[in-house]
């Protein structure tokens, strides 16, 4: 019989008006990497919050058996004392504290006189950083480091707590390929050291590559657990379990109907907002035609988001220069309001910080960018019309909520993304800039987002898609621009583009004489 470290039996969890988990069962073997997959809203994160004590014993039904003993965790500290540590998708680090301070926050090393022994704190932090493969000074402020390094710091912090079961919720969602591979390699090393991991991820290729077992949850119920070393451990098998059907193609079929040029950016340059003399976007130019989907590819730090945010109302940087044209006429985008009024819409890569008001309802979020359409008498918003508009978008975009009065923060990631899209579609833009439109959402919801993007192009809109996933750009786009070190390094029609060609163009050094050839 296999050595099982964790069993969750018949876990049921209710929220007002909805049953999120329905008799879920999970069994995890010691010293293995166990993946949990499912669509947004399937109950994956809720199950892990039950396990870690975020939802304490008594707020759910069922049993948790860890290392042979039934557990009744009342808080996160209880599960951590047992050796269970969870790292959430939204990292819980304090940006203004040092790496060492973050690692030992709440678990400080006390020396003589009851004071913190900073020499020992920094020394042990250095050892932990080396263990996770991170070459950083322990006194560096965490806010100066990228997301990939912050993920490793979270794992180093977990190692101070004698972790035996490490839970990672979407650990690579915001990471580039290099940082993702480094993190996954670390999980393999921890497995070799006897540490068990549970990983929640929508990146099925990573799951197939790293997991020993995968449990699929659909609509709050356990569907099956797959042995990932077996012959049928494929992405397609996982997808069938997640969505209840096969997806014969990851991208919906589309016949492009492309017309005249709508949008053009010429010689766009942007300086860093705080570092004098640092150029973030350097003399970049691009164009988009009616009915066309144009992709922008680049490694993290290439300037993709900064480029688009600076064009959209100077939302990033300073001393922006260059020209923006709509249908051949130069337009102003000096403010977000001016950009919107001139037919631009921008769906941010960070929907929670920039795209949504999470504590208000669907209706309020959808109307927020075009309230002028709903004002009567020059003063008041017509609430009835606002509800009608929101309800229409809820149906058209298949936002899974019984009512537009639902608080957006309670929706799944995929449905939150649809609300963001609805918000900008209500402004009736000519140009839609979609920055990482499917980040952190499952394969089924991605397909629905792709259908929406295709419909926008079919309606004659000019669509720009920024994505870290090259297969996504190749599956959606008509043309792809590549960006490296803030400069446009290439432009390829999708028929001529491959991942290898795009990666080659994305890694051109700033002073390279290499030509951007197709």
Protein backbone atom coordinates (compact mmCIF):
# COMPACT_ATOMS: atom_id res chain seq x y z
CA UNK A 1 0.00 0.00 0.00
CA UNK A 2 1.30 3.47 -0.87
CA UNK A 3 2.34 5.88 1.91
CA UNK A 4 -0.46 8.48 2.03
CA UNK A 5 0.35 11.74 3.82
CA UNK A 6 -3.00 13.45 3.27
CA UNK A 7 -6.61 12.39 2.92
CA UNK A 8 -9.56 14.74 2.57
CA UNK A 9 -12.82 12.84 2.87
CA UNK A 10 -16.26 14.05 1.78
CA UNK A 11 -15.39 17.74 2.07
CA UNK A 12 -18.46 19.92 1.61
CA UNK A 13 -18.35 23.71 1.80
CA UNK A 14 -21.25 26.13 1.42
CA UNK A 15 -21.39 29.85 0.89
CA UNK A 16 -24.67 31.79 1.04
CA UNK A 17 -26.82 30.47 -1.78
CA UNK A 18 -24.21 28.17 -3.32
CA UNK A 19 -22.55 24.83 -2.54
CA UNK A 20 -18.91 25.24 -3.62
CA UNK A 21 -17.61 21.80 -2.63
CA UNK A 22 -19.74 18.64 -2.75
CA UNK A 23 -18.25 15.58 -1.00
CA UNK A 24 -14.79 16.14 -2.45
CA UNK A 25 -12.21 13.41 -1.83
CA UNK A 26 -8.45 13.82 -2.19
CA UNK A 27 -5.59 11.44 -1.43
CA UNK A 28 -1.96 12.58 -1.69
CA UNK A 29 1.06 10.28 -1.45
CA UNK A 30 4.10 11.27 0.58
CA UNK A 31 7.09 12.69 -1.30
CA UNK A 32 5.12 13.27 -4.52
CA UNK A 33 3.94 16.24 -6.56
CA UNK A 34 0.16 16.16 -6.76
CA UNK A 35 -1.63 18.52 -9.15
CA UNK A 36 -5.19 19.77 -8.83
CA UNK A 37 -6.89 20.90 -12.05
CA UNK A 38 -10.29 22.32 -12.83
CA UNK A 39 -12.02 25.25 -14.44
CA UNK A 40 -12.23 28.61 -12.67
CA UNK A 41 -14.87 28.32 -9.98
CA UNK A 42 -14.52 24.53 -9.75
CA UNK A 43 -13.54 24.77 -6.07
CA UNK A 44 -9.77 24.14 -6.20
CA UNK A 45 -8.66 27.14 -4.13
CA UNK A 46 -11.58 26.70 -1.73
CA UNK A 47 -10.48 23.11 -1.06
CA UNK A 48 -6.94 24.27 -0.27
CA UNK A 49 -8.27 27.01 2.03
CA UNK A 50 -10.20 24.33 3.91
CA UNK A 51 -7.03 22.26 4.20
CA UNK A 52 -4.85 25.14 5.40
CA UNK A 53 -7.31 26.51 7.97
CA UNK A 54 -8.25 29.68 6.11
CA UNK A 55 -11.74 28.22 6.38
CA UNK A 56 -11.56 26.77 9.90
CA UNK A 57 -12.95 23.50 11.19
CA UNK A 58 -16.68 23.86 11.74
CA UNK A 59 -17.28 25.92 8.61
CA UNK A 60 -17.23 22.83 6.40
CA UNK A 61 -18.26 19.19 6.53
CA UNK A 62 -15.92 16.23 6.14
CA UNK A 63 -12.59 15.05 7.53
CA UNK A 64 -8.94 16.02 7.06
CA UNK A 65 -6.45 13.27 7.91
CA UNK A 66 -2.82 14.40 7.82
CA UNK A 67 -0.03 11.96 8.55
CA UNK A 68 -2.50 9.48 10.01
CA UNK A 69 -4.19 11.89 12.44
CA UNK A 70 -7.55 13.63 12.04
CA UNK A 71 -7.00 17.39 12.04
CA UNK A 72 -9.29 20.24 13.09
CA UNK A 73 -7.40 23.35 12.01
CA UNK A 74 -8.86 26.55 13.40
CA UNK A 75 -6.45 28.90 11.62
CA UNK A 76 -3.45 28.96 9.29
CA UNK A 77 -1.06 28.82 12.23
CA UNK A 78 -2.53 25.46 13.23
CA UNK A 79 -1.88 23.92 9.81
CA UNK A 80 1.62 25.43 9.70
CA UNK A 81 2.46 23.86 13.05
CA UNK A 82 1.49 20.52 11.50
CA UNK A 83 3.83 21.18 8.56
CA UNK A 84 1.34 22.39 5.94
CA UNK A 85 2.22 25.68 4.22
CA UNK A 86 0.19 27.36 1.46
CA UNK A 87 1.54 29.94 -0.99
CA UNK A 88 -1.32 31.86 -2.54
CA UNK A 89 -1.39 33.27 -6.06
CA UNK A 90 -1.35 36.79 -4.58
CA UNK A 91 1.98 36.73 -2.76
CA UNK A 92 1.99 37.72 0.92
CA UNK A 93 5.31 39.56 1.04
CA UNK A 94 5.92 43.06 2.39
CA UNK A 95 7.66 45.01 -0.40
CA UNK A 96 9.37 47.54 1.90
CA UNK A 97 10.98 44.90 4.13
CA UNK A 98 14.16 43.04 3.23
CA UNK A 99 14.28 39.50 1.91
CA UNK A 100 15.49 38.25 5.29
CA UNK A 101 12.82 40.18 7.19
CA UNK A 102 10.12 38.68 4.98
CA UNK A 103 11.47 35.15 5.33
CA UNK A 104 11.41 35.29 9.14
CA UNK A 105 8.41 37.59 9.58
CA UNK A 106 6.39 36.14 12.47
CA UNK A 107 9.13 33.59 13.09
CA UNK A 108 11.95 35.88 14.18
CA UNK A 109 15.26 34.64 15.60
CA UNK A 110 15.66 36.13 19.09
CA UNK A 111 19.09 36.67 20.58
CA UNK A 112 20.40 38.12 23.81
CA UNK A 113 18.22 40.57 25.67
CA UNK A 114 15.13 39.49 23.77
CA UNK A 115 16.21 41.35 20.63
CA UNK A 116 16.26 40.04 17.08
CA UNK A 117 19.65 38.60 16.15
CA UNK A 118 20.01 40.24 12.75
CA UNK A 119 23.36 38.62 12.03
CA UNK A 120 21.80 35.16 12.44
CA UNK A 121 18.65 36.19 10.56
CA UNK A 122 20.66 37.30 7.53
CA UNK A 123 22.97 34.28 7.71
CA UNK A 124 20.10 31.78 7.82
CA UNK A 125 18.25 33.71 5.10
CA UNK A 126 21.33 33.44 2.87
CA UNK A 127 21.39 29.67 3.42
CA UNK A 128 17.68 29.39 2.55
CA UNK A 129 18.12 31.51 -0.57
CA UNK A 130 20.93 29.23 -1.69
CA UNK A 131 18.67 26.24 -1.06
CA UNK A 132 16.02 27.62 -3.42
CA UNK A 133 18.63 28.67 -5.99
CA UNK A 134 18.29 32.43 -5.53
CA UNK A 135 21.45 34.54 -5.56
CA UNK A 136 20.28 37.69 -3.80
CA UNK A 137 21.53 39.73 -0.87
CA UNK A 138 19.25 39.01 2.13
CA UNK A 139 19.15 42.74 2.93
CA UNK A 140 17.62 43.64 -0.47
CA UNK A 141 14.10 45.07 -0.30
CA UNK A 142 11.62 42.55 -1.71
CA UNK A 143 9.89 45.26 -3.74
CA UNK A 144 13.03 45.59 -5.88
CA UNK A 145 12.74 41.98 -7.06
CA UNK A 146 10.63 40.45 -9.81
CA UNK A 147 7.67 38.14 -9.31
CA UNK A 148 9.71 35.03 -10.12
CA UNK A 149 12.21 35.76 -7.36
CA UNK A 150 9.42 36.63 -4.94
CA UNK A 151 7.89 33.19 -5.53
CA UNK A 152 11.20 31.61 -4.51
CA UNK A 153 11.34 33.81 -1.41
CA UNK A 154 7.87 32.53 -0.44
CA UNK A 155 9.19 28.97 -0.73
CA UNK A 156 12.28 29.87 1.33
CA UNK A 157 9.91 31.28 3.95
CA UNK A 158 7.97 28.01 3.92
CA UNK A 159 11.16 26.07 4.55
CA UNK A 160 11.65 27.91 7.86
CA UNK A 161 8.43 26.30 9.10
CA UNK A 162 9.55 22.66 8.75
CA UNK A 163 7.20 22.25 5.81
CA UNK A 164 6.12 18.70 4.98
CA UNK A 165 3.30 19.58 2.60
CA UNK A 166 3.73 22.63 0.38
CA UNK A 167 0.66 23.99 -1.45
CA UNK A 168 1.19 26.33 -4.40
CA UNK A 169 -1.80 28.08 -5.99
CA UNK A 170 -1.01 29.09 -9.60
CA UNK A 171 2.71 29.55 -8.84
CA UNK A 172 3.75 30.20 -12.45
CA UNK A 173 0.75 32.25 -13.65
CA UNK A 174 2.73 35.51 -13.75
CA UNK A 175 6.16 34.03 -14.57
CA UNK A 176 8.03 33.86 -17.85
CA UNK A 177 9.26 30.53 -19.21
CA UNK A 178 12.69 30.77 -17.59
CA UNK A 179 11.37 31.62 -14.11
CA UNK A 180 8.68 28.96 -14.42
CA UNK A 181 11.21 26.26 -15.24
CA UNK A 182 13.41 27.32 -12.35
CA UNK A 183 10.50 27.07 -9.92
CA UNK A 184 9.40 23.68 -11.24
CA UNK A 185 12.97 22.42 -11.00
CA UNK A 186 13.00 23.50 -7.36
CA UNK A 187 9.80 21.54 -6.72
CA UNK A 188 11.50 18.45 -8.15
CA UNK A 189 14.44 19.01 -5.81
CA UNK A 190 12.11 19.37 -2.82
CA UNK A 191 10.39 16.15 -3.84
CA UNK A 192 13.77 14.42 -3.81
CA UNK A 193 14.23 15.76 -0.26
CA UNK A 194 10.95 14.15 0.81
CA UNK A 195 8.73 17.25 0.75
CA UNK A 196 5.26 16.67 -0.69
CA UNK A 197 3.75 19.36 -2.92
CA UNK A 198 0.25 20.16 -4.15
CA UNK A 199 0.21 22.46 -7.17
CA UNK A 200 -2.85 24.17 -8.66
CA UNK A 201 -2.23 25.30 -12.22
CA UNK A 202 -3.98 26.03 -15.49
CA UNK A 203 -0.77 25.43 -17.44
CA UNK A 204 -1.46 21.86 -18.44
CA UNK A 205 1.89 21.38 -20.14
CA UNK A 206 3.59 22.02 -16.80
CA UNK A 207 1.25 19.60 -15.05
CA UNK A 208 2.02 16.82 -17.51
CA UNK A 209 5.72 17.55 -17.12
CA UNK A 210 5.99 17.70 -13.31
CA UNK A 211 3.07 15.98 -11.57
CA UNK A 212 3.05 12.41 -10.28
CA UNK A 213 -0.74 12.44 -9.87
CA UNK A 214 -3.50 14.83 -10.91
CA UNK A 215 -6.92 15.19 -9.33
CA UNK A 216 -9.59 16.87 -11.45
CA UNK A 217 -12.40 18.84 -9.82
CA UNK A 218 -15.45 19.97 -11.79
CA UNK A 219 -18.35 22.00 -10.39
CA UNK A 220 -17.24 21.33 -6.83
CA UNK A 221 -16.98 17.55 -7.21
CA UNK A 222 -14.08 15.14 -7.59
CA UNK A 223 -14.08 13.68 -11.11
CA UNK A 224 -11.00 11.45 -11.10
CA UNK A 225 -7.35 11.14 -10.13
CA UNK A 226 -4.92 10.36 -12.94
CA UNK A 227 -1.58 8.58 -12.57
CA UNK A 228 0.65 10.95 -14.54
CA UNK A 229 3.15 8.18 -15.27
CA UNK A 230 0.50 6.16 -17.10
CA UNK A 231 0.02 5.97 -20.89
CA UNK A 232 -3.10 8.18 -20.98
CA UNK A 233 -1.67 11.05 -18.90
CA UNK A 234 -2.12 13.71 -21.57
CA UNK A 235 -3.36 17.30 -21.74
CA UNK A 236 -6.38 16.16 -23.73
CA UNK A 237 -7.32 13.67 -21.00
CA UNK A 238 -7.11 16.41 -18.36
CA UNK A 239 -9.19 18.78 -20.50
CA UNK A 240 -11.93 16.20 -20.95
CA UNK A 241 -12.15 15.80 -17.19
CA UNK A 242 -12.11 19.56 -16.54
CA UNK A 243 -14.77 20.66 -19.02
CA UNK A 244 -16.74 17.44 -19.39
CA UNK A 245 -16.02 17.23 -23.10
CA UNK A 246 -13.07 17.23 -25.47
CA UNK A 247 -11.81 20.42 -27.03
CA UNK A 248 -10.82 19.31 -30.51
CA UNK A 249 -9.06 22.63 -31.03
CA UNK A 250 -7.73 25.02 -28.41
CA UNK A 251 -8.68 27.94 -30.65
CA UNK A 252 -12.03 28.51 -32.36
CA UNK A 253 -12.01 28.55 -36.14
CA UNK A 254 -11.81 31.96 -37.77
CA UNK A 255 -11.72 33.27 -41.32
CA UNK A 256 -10.09 36.73 -41.19
CA UNK A 257 -11.90 39.57 -42.94
CA UNK A 258 -9.30 42.36 -42.89
CA UNK A 259 -9.82 45.81 -44.38
CA UNK A 260 -8.16 49.22 -44.25
CA UNK A 261 -5.76 50.39 -41.58
CA UNK A 262 -7.53 51.78 -38.50
CA UNK A 263 -4.80 52.34 -35.95
CA UNK A 264 -1.16 53.34 -36.19
CA UNK A 265 1.53 54.25 -33.67
CA UNK A 266 4.66 56.00 -34.99
CA UNK A 267 8.05 56.41 -33.32
CA UNK A 268 6.78 55.93 -29.78
CA UNK A 269 9.28 56.38 -26.94
CA UNK A 270 8.73 56.42 -23.17
CA UNK A 271 11.06 57.16 -20.28
CA UNK A 272 11.02 55.31 -16.96
CA UNK A 273 8.75 57.07 -14.43
CA UNK A 274 11.44 57.38 -11.72
CA UNK A 275 14.85 56.47 -13.21
CA UNK A 276 16.10 59.49 -15.12
CA UNK A 277 17.55 58.69 -18.53
CA UNK A 278 16.24 55.13 -18.70
CA UNK A 279 14.34 54.44 -21.92
CA UNK A 280 11.59 51.83 -21.54
CA UNK A 281 10.03 52.04 -25.02
CA UNK A 282 12.37 53.09 -27.80
CA UNK A 283 11.06 54.41 -31.14
CA UNK A 284 8.38 51.73 -31.53
CA UNK A 285 5.90 51.74 -34.42
CA UNK A 286 3.04 49.43 -35.34
CA UNK A 287 -0.26 49.38 -37.24
CA UNK A 288 -3.54 47.46 -37.06
CA UNK A 289 -6.23 47.11 -39.71
CA UNK A 290 -9.98 46.74 -39.37
CA UNK A 291 -10.86 43.14 -38.55
CA UNK A 292 -7.25 42.26 -37.72
CA UNK A 293 -5.82 40.70 -34.59
CA UNK A 294 -2.23 41.77 -34.03
CA UNK A 295 -0.12 40.04 -31.39
CA UNK A 296 2.76 41.50 -29.39
CA UNK A 297 5.35 39.03 -28.15
CA UNK A 298 8.24 39.71 -25.83
CA UNK A 299 10.00 38.38 -22.78
CA UNK A 300 9.19 39.77 -19.36
CA UNK A 301 10.80 43.19 -19.11
CA UNK A 302 10.73 43.77 -22.86
CA UNK A 303 8.35 46.71 -22.44
CA UNK A 304 5.12 45.23 -23.84
CA UNK A 305 2.80 46.41 -21.06
CA UNK A 306 4.64 49.71 -20.65
CA UNK A 307 4.23 50.37 -24.38
CA UNK A 308 0.49 49.78 -24.35
CA UNK A 309 -0.16 51.56 -21.03
CA UNK A 310 1.76 54.63 -22.14
CA UNK A 311 -0.24 54.83 -25.37
CA UNK A 312 -3.46 54.45 -23.40
CA UNK A 313 -3.61 57.80 -21.65
CA UNK A 314 0.00 57.96 -20.47
CA UNK A 315 -0.86 55.37 -17.81
CA UNK A 316 2.82 54.53 -17.52
CA UNK A 317 6.08 56.43 -17.71
CA UNK A 318 6.95 60.04 -18.49
CA UNK A 319 8.19 62.10 -21.40
CA UNK A 320 6.28 59.98 -23.90
CA UNK A 321 6.83 61.03 -27.50
CA UNK A 322 5.51 59.85 -30.84
CA UNK A 323 2.25 59.99 -32.74
CA UNK A 324 -0.99 58.01 -32.63
CA UNK A 325 -3.36 57.87 -35.60
CA UNK A 326 -6.94 56.64 -35.91
CA UNK A 327 -8.19 56.23 -39.49
CA UNK A 328 -5.34 58.39 -40.74
CA UNK A 329 -6.01 61.28 -38.37
CA UNK A 330 -3.65 62.06 -35.51
CA UNK A 331 -5.38 61.77 -32.13
CA UNK A 332 -4.52 62.71 -28.56
CA UNK A 333 -4.07 60.02 -25.91
CA UNK A 334 -2.64 62.31 -23.26
CA UNK A 335 -5.13 61.11 -20.66
CA UNK A 336 -7.20 57.99 -20.14
CA UNK A 337 -10.33 60.03 -20.82
CA UNK A 338 -8.86 61.32 -24.09
CA UNK A 339 -7.87 57.81 -25.13
CA UNK A 340 -11.38 56.48 -24.42
CA UNK A 341 -13.02 59.43 -26.19
CA UNK A 342 -10.83 58.76 -29.22
CA UNK A 343 -11.91 55.12 -29.48
CA UNK A 344 -9.29 53.20 -27.50
CA UNK A 345 -9.91 50.58 -24.80
CA UNK A 346 -7.31 48.82 -22.69
CA UNK A 347 -7.84 45.58 -20.77
CA UNK A 348 -5.02 45.48 -18.20
CA UNK A 349 -2.96 42.39 -17.44
CA UNK A 350 -3.84 42.93 -13.75
CA UNK A 351 -7.63 42.88 -13.70
CA UNK A 352 -7.83 43.00 -9.91
CA UNK A 353 -5.73 46.14 -9.49
CA UNK A 354 -6.49 48.08 -12.66
CA UNK A 355 -9.53 46.52 -14.29
CA UNK A 356 -12.18 45.96 -11.64
CA UNK A 357 -13.68 47.30 -8.46
CA UNK A 358 -13.85 43.99 -6.60
CA UNK A 359 -16.14 45.19 -3.81
CA UNK A 360 -18.91 46.39 -6.14
CA UNK A 361 -21.29 44.47 -8.37
CA UNK A 362 -21.18 43.42 -12.01
CA UNK A 363 -23.56 46.18 -13.05
CA UNK A 364 -21.44 48.97 -11.56
CA UNK A 365 -18.22 47.62 -13.04
CA UNK A 366 -19.64 47.31 -16.55
CA UNK A 367 -21.03 50.84 -16.62
CA UNK A 368 -18.02 52.52 -14.99
CA UNK A 369 -16.13 53.47 -18.18
CA UNK A 370 -19.13 54.96 -19.99
CA UNK A 371 -21.44 56.41 -17.35
CA UNK A 372 -22.19 59.34 -19.64
CA UNK A 373 -24.36 57.04 -21.75
CA UNK A 374 -26.62 56.44 -18.75
CA UNK A 375 -26.98 59.95 -17.37
CA UNK A 376 -30.44 61.52 -17.48
CA UNK A 377 -31.13 65.17 -16.80
CA UNK A 378 -27.41 65.84 -16.84
CA UNK A 379 -27.00 64.57 -13.28
CA UNK A 380 -28.43 61.15 -12.46
CA UNK A 381 -27.53 57.67 -13.69
CA UNK A 382 -30.54 55.77 -14.99
CA UNK A 383 -30.37 52.68 -12.78
CA UNK A 384 -32.90 50.71 -14.78
CA UNK A 385 -31.02 51.26 -18.03
CA UNK A 386 -27.75 50.42 -16.29
CA UNK A 387 -29.20 47.09 -15.18
CA UNK A 388 -30.53 46.36 -18.68
CA UNK A 389 -27.12 47.04 -20.25
CA UNK A 390 -25.29 44.88 -17.71
CA UNK A 391 -27.82 42.06 -18.09
CA UNK A 392 -27.37 42.09 -21.86
CA UNK A 393 -23.60 41.73 -21.50
CA UNK A 394 -24.04 39.04 -18.85
CA UNK A 395 -26.01 36.98 -21.38
CA UNK A 396 -23.92 37.82 -24.45
CA UNK A 397 -20.57 37.03 -22.79
CA UNK A 398 -21.92 34.11 -20.75
CA UNK A 399 -20.89 35.60 -17.41
CA UNK A 400 -21.76 32.85 -14.96
CA UNK A 401 -23.75 34.68 -12.33
CA UNK A 402 -27.48 34.54 -11.59
CA UNK A 403 -27.69 38.33 -11.36
CA UNK A 404 -25.76 41.48 -12.25
CA UNK A 405 -25.99 42.43 -8.55
CA UNK A 406 -23.33 39.79 -7.78
CA UNK A 407 -20.15 41.22 -6.19
CA UNK A 408 -17.33 40.89 -8.73
CA UNK A 409 -14.79 39.77 -6.13
CA UNK A 410 -16.83 36.59 -5.64
CA UNK A 411 -16.62 35.59 -9.31
CA UNK A 412 -14.08 33.17 -10.78
CA UNK A 413 -11.11 34.57 -12.70
CA UNK A 414 -12.61 33.77 -16.09
CA UNK A 415 -15.88 35.50 -15.25
CA UNK A 416 -14.03 38.50 -13.82
CA UNK A 417 -12.19 38.77 -17.13
CA UNK A 418 -15.50 38.75 -19.01
CA UNK A 419 -16.74 41.61 -16.82
CA UNK A 420 -13.61 43.61 -17.72
CA UNK A 421 -14.24 42.95 -21.41
CA UNK A 422 -17.88 43.97 -21.03
CA UNK A 423 -16.83 47.20 -19.33
CA UNK A 424 -14.68 48.19 -22.29
CA UNK A 425 -17.04 46.91 -24.96
CA UNK A 426 -19.68 49.24 -23.55
CA UNK A 427 -17.46 52.20 -24.55
CA UNK A 428 -17.86 51.03 -28.19
CA UNK A 429 -14.15 51.32 -29.02
CA UNK A 430 -12.51 51.15 -32.42
CA UNK A 431 -9.29 49.72 -30.97
CA UNK A 432 -9.07 47.12 -28.19
CA UNK A 433 -5.76 46.47 -26.46
CA UNK A 434 -5.91 43.19 -24.54
CA UNK A 435 -2.95 42.68 -22.21
CA UNK A 436 -2.64 39.01 -21.11
CA UNK A 437 -6.39 38.47 -21.67
CA UNK A 438 -6.35 34.83 -20.48
CA UNK A 439 -3.84 34.97 -17.63
CA UNK A 440 -4.86 32.78 -14.71
CA UNK A 441 -7.99 31.31 -16.29
CA UNK A 442 -8.74 27.75 -17.28
CA UNK A 443 -8.78 26.17 -20.72
CA UNK A 444 -12.56 26.24 -21.07
CA UNK A 445 -12.83 29.92 -20.13
CA UNK A 446 -9.91 30.68 -22.45
CA UNK A 447 -11.84 29.25 -25.36
CA UNK A 448 -14.77 31.53 -24.56
CA UNK A 449 -12.45 34.56 -24.37
CA UNK A 450 -10.95 33.60 -27.73
CA UNK A 451 -14.45 33.47 -29.22
CA UNK A 452 -15.12 36.99 -27.91
CA UNK A 453 -11.85 38.27 -29.40
CA UNK A 454 -12.69 36.71 -32.76
CA UNK A 455 -16.16 38.27 -32.67
CA UNK A 456 -14.63 41.69 -32.04
CA UNK A 457 -12.39 41.32 -35.07
CA UNK A 458 -15.33 40.11 -37.15
CA UNK A 459 -17.18 43.30 -36.13
CA UNK A 460 -14.40 45.34 -37.75
CA UNK A 461 -12.51 46.29 -34.60
CA UNK A 462 -8.74 46.59 -34.52
CA UNK A 463 -7.49 44.20 -31.82
CA UNK A 464 -4.06 44.11 -30.18
CA UNK A 465 -3.24 41.10 -27.98
CA UNK A 466 -0.24 41.11 -25.65
CA UNK A 467 0.58 37.62 -24.37
CA UNK A 468 3.42 35.71 -22.73
CA UNK A 469 2.12 32.49 -24.29
CA UNK A 470 3.49 32.09 -27.80
CA UNK A 471 1.02 29.32 -28.75
CA UNK A 472 -1.78 31.73 -27.83
CA UNK A 473 -0.40 34.46 -30.09
CA UNK A 474 0.09 32.00 -32.94
CA UNK A 475 -3.43 30.63 -32.48
CA UNK A 476 -5.14 34.04 -32.37
CA UNK A 477 -3.17 36.54 -34.41
CA UNK A 478 -2.99 37.55 -38.05
CA UNK A 479 0.36 39.25 -37.53
CA UNK A 480 2.81 39.27 -34.63
CA UNK A 481 5.23 42.02 -33.61
CA UNK A 482 8.18 41.12 -31.40
CA UNK A 483 9.61 43.41 -28.75
CA UNK A 484 13.00 43.25 -27.02
CA UNK A 485 14.52 45.83 -24.70
CA UNK A 486 11.77 48.28 -25.60
CA UNK A 487 12.34 48.09 -29.36
CA UNK A 488 10.28 46.45 -32.09
CA UNK A 489 12.58 43.75 -33.44
CA UNK A 490 10.36 42.03 -35.98
CA UNK A 491 6.96 41.66 -37.64
CA UNK A 492 5.72 38.37 -39.01
CA UNK A 493 2.46 37.25 -40.63
CA UNK A 494 1.22 34.34 -38.58
CA UNK A 495 1.52 31.99 -41.57
CA UNK A 496 5.30 32.49 -41.44
CA UNK A 497 5.68 32.62 -37.66
CA UNK A 498 6.85 29.82 -35.39
CA UNK A 499 7.72 29.79 -31.71
CA UNK A 500 11.38 29.43 -32.65
CA UNK A 501 11.33 32.44 -34.98
CA UNK A 502 9.49 34.57 -32.45
CA UNK A 503 11.87 33.61 -29.65
CA UNK A 504 14.84 34.46 -31.82
CA UNK A 505 13.43 37.95 -32.46
CA UNK A 506 12.47 38.38 -28.81
CA UNK A 507 16.07 37.85 -27.66
CA UNK A 508 17.88 40.28 -29.97
CA UNK A 509 20.35 42.32 -27.93
CA UNK A 510 19.95 46.13 -27.99
CA UNK A 511 23.13 46.74 -29.96
CA UNK A 512 22.91 43.61 -32.09
CA UNK A 513 23.36 43.98 -35.83
CA UNK A 514 21.22 40.91 -36.39
CA UNK A 515 18.44 41.70 -38.82
CA UNK A 516 14.83 40.92 -37.96
CA UNK A 517 14.23 38.47 -40.79
CA UNK A 518 11.15 36.41 -41.33
